[in-house]
Amino acid sequence: MNETAQDALRQVESAAHLYATDDEEIAAFREILSRQHPNDRGTYACAALDRVVTDIALDHRTECDGGPDCRTCAGLREALTIAVASVRAMIADEMTWRRRGPRRWFWSR
């Protein structure tokens, strides 16, 4: 694993620990990911994370007027920008893939 990925993992695990995420919850989501096709796991995880960020943003909006001084709104704005871009990219990739036809594996050529 490269240094960037290791650093990201440390940061995410540290934040998860602060919010009392337990190993059972992590194992349950890893089980869901294991049932996905290996090429689709990243897409599934990103979509699930985007959904969670969106839920948090909608909940926060009921508590906040979205003023320029709200750090949570600023963070959610950045996260939602990335979420929209990633979902649009996933849809574009899927549409491109469908036009090409079904996946071909090296053993079926």
Protein backbone atom coordinates (compact mmCIF):
# COMPACT_ATOMS: atom_id res chain seq x y z
CA MET A 1 0.00 0.00 0.00
CA ASN A 2 1.42 3.40 -0.92
CA GLU A 3 2.05 6.16 1.61
CA THR A 4 -0.95 8.25 0.53
CA ALA A 5 -3.33 5.33 1.01
CA GLN A 6 -1.78 4.48 4.39
CA ASP A 7 -2.14 8.09 5.54
CA ALA A 8 -5.76 8.20 4.36
CA LEU A 9 -6.51 4.95 6.19
CA ARG A 10 -4.97 6.28 9.43
CA GLN A 11 -7.01 9.49 9.20
CA VAL A 12 -10.27 7.72 8.40
CA GLU A 13 -9.77 5.14 11.17
CA SER A 14 -8.94 7.91 13.63
CA ALA A 15 -12.09 9.86 12.75
CA ALA A 16 -14.19 6.69 12.87
CA HIS A 17 -12.82 5.97 16.35
CA LEU A 18 -13.85 9.47 17.51
CA TYR A 19 -17.41 8.70 16.41
CA ALA A 20 -17.43 5.27 18.07
CA THR A 21 -17.61 3.24 14.87
CA ASP A 22 -17.11 -0.38 15.84
CA ASP A 23 -15.46 -3.28 14.04
CA GLU A 24 -18.81 -5.06 13.58
CA GLU A 25 -20.21 -2.17 11.53
CA ILE A 26 -17.05 -2.07 9.44
CA ALA A 27 -17.14 -5.84 8.93
CA ALA A 28 -20.80 -5.68 7.90
CA PHE A 29 -20.10 -3.12 5.19
CA ARG A 30 -17.04 -5.04 4.02
CA GLU A 31 -19.32 -8.08 3.67
CA ILE A 32 -21.66 -6.04 1.46
CA LEU A 33 -18.67 -4.95 -0.64
CA SER A 34 -17.44 -8.54 -0.94
CA ARG A 35 -20.72 -9.49 -2.65
CA GLN A 36 -20.10 -6.91 -5.40
CA HIS A 37 -18.12 -7.63 -8.53
CA PRO A 38 -14.47 -6.61 -7.91
CA ASN A 39 -14.71 -3.96 -10.65
CA ASP A 40 -17.84 -2.49 -9.05
CA ARG A 41 -16.77 -2.32 -5.39
CA GLY A 42 -15.29 1.16 -5.61
CA THR A 43 -18.37 2.47 -7.40
CA TYR A 44 -20.68 0.90 -4.81
CA ALA A 45 -18.64 2.30 -1.91
CA CYS A 46 -18.56 5.79 -3.46
CA ALA A 47 -22.30 5.74 -4.10
CA ALA A 48 -22.99 4.61 -0.52
CA LEU A 49 -20.74 7.32 0.87
CA ASP A 50 -22.35 9.93 -1.37
CA ARG A 51 -25.77 8.91 -0.06
CA VAL A 52 -24.61 9.28 3.55
CA VAL A 53 -23.04 12.69 2.90
CA THR A 54 -26.26 13.81 1.20
CA ASP A 55 -28.35 12.66 4.19
CA ILE A 56 -26.06 14.56 6.56
CA ALA A 57 -26.28 17.68 4.39
CA LEU A 58 -30.07 17.57 4.27
CA ASP A 59 -30.28 17.06 8.03
CA HIS A 60 -27.83 19.91 8.68
CA ARG A 61 -29.80 22.27 6.45
CA THR A 62 -32.81 21.92 8.77
CA GLU A 63 -30.61 23.15 11.65
CA CYS A 64 -28.60 25.86 9.86
CA ASP A 65 -29.35 28.77 7.55
CA GLY A 66 -26.21 28.11 5.50
CA GLY A 67 -24.41 31.28 6.47
CA PRO A 68 -20.89 31.97 5.21
CA ASP A 69 -19.37 31.39 8.68
CA CYS A 70 -20.63 27.81 9.08
CA ARG A 71 -17.67 25.43 8.75
CA THR A 72 -19.98 22.42 8.51
CA CYS A 73 -21.75 23.96 5.52
CA ALA A 74 -18.40 24.70 3.88
CA GLY A 75 -17.26 21.11 4.40
CA LEU A 76 -20.54 19.71 3.14
CA ARG A 77 -20.40 21.99 0.09
CA GLU A 78 -16.97 20.58 -0.78
CA ALA A 79 -18.09 17.00 -0.13
CA LEU A 80 -21.24 17.42 -2.22
CA THR A 81 -19.23 18.95 -5.08
CA ILE A 82 -17.08 15.81 -5.13
CA ALA A 83 -20.17 13.59 -4.73
CA VAL A 84 -21.99 15.15 -7.70
CA ALA A 85 -18.88 14.95 -9.88
CA SER A 86 -18.25 11.31 -8.93
CA VAL A 87 -21.86 10.20 -9.51
CA ARG A 88 -21.91 11.97 -12.89
CA ALA A 89 -18.63 10.25 -13.80
CA MET A 90 -20.02 6.86 -12.70
CA ILE A 91 -23.11 7.36 -14.86
CA ALA A 92 -21.03 8.47 -17.85
CA ASP A 93 -18.73 5.47 -17.42
CA GLU A 94 -21.70 3.11 -17.21
CA MET A 95 -23.29 4.60 -20.33
CA THR A 96 -19.98 4.28 -22.20
CA TRP A 97 -19.61 0.68 -21.04
CA ARG A 98 -23.14 -0.23 -22.14
CA ARG A 99 -22.48 1.09 -25.64
CA ARG A 100 -19.43 -1.15 -25.89
CA GLY A 101 -21.39 -4.27 -25.06
CA PRO A 102 -20.96 -6.88 -22.36
CA ARG A 103 -17.70 -7.34 -20.51
CA ARG A 104 -15.32 -9.78 -22.12
CA TRP A 105 -13.00 -11.77 -19.94
CA PHE A 106 -9.68 -13.03 -21.22
CA TRP A 107 -10.77 -16.67 -20.79
CA SER A 108 -13.83 -16.23 -23.02
CA ARG A 109 -12.00 -14.90 -26.09
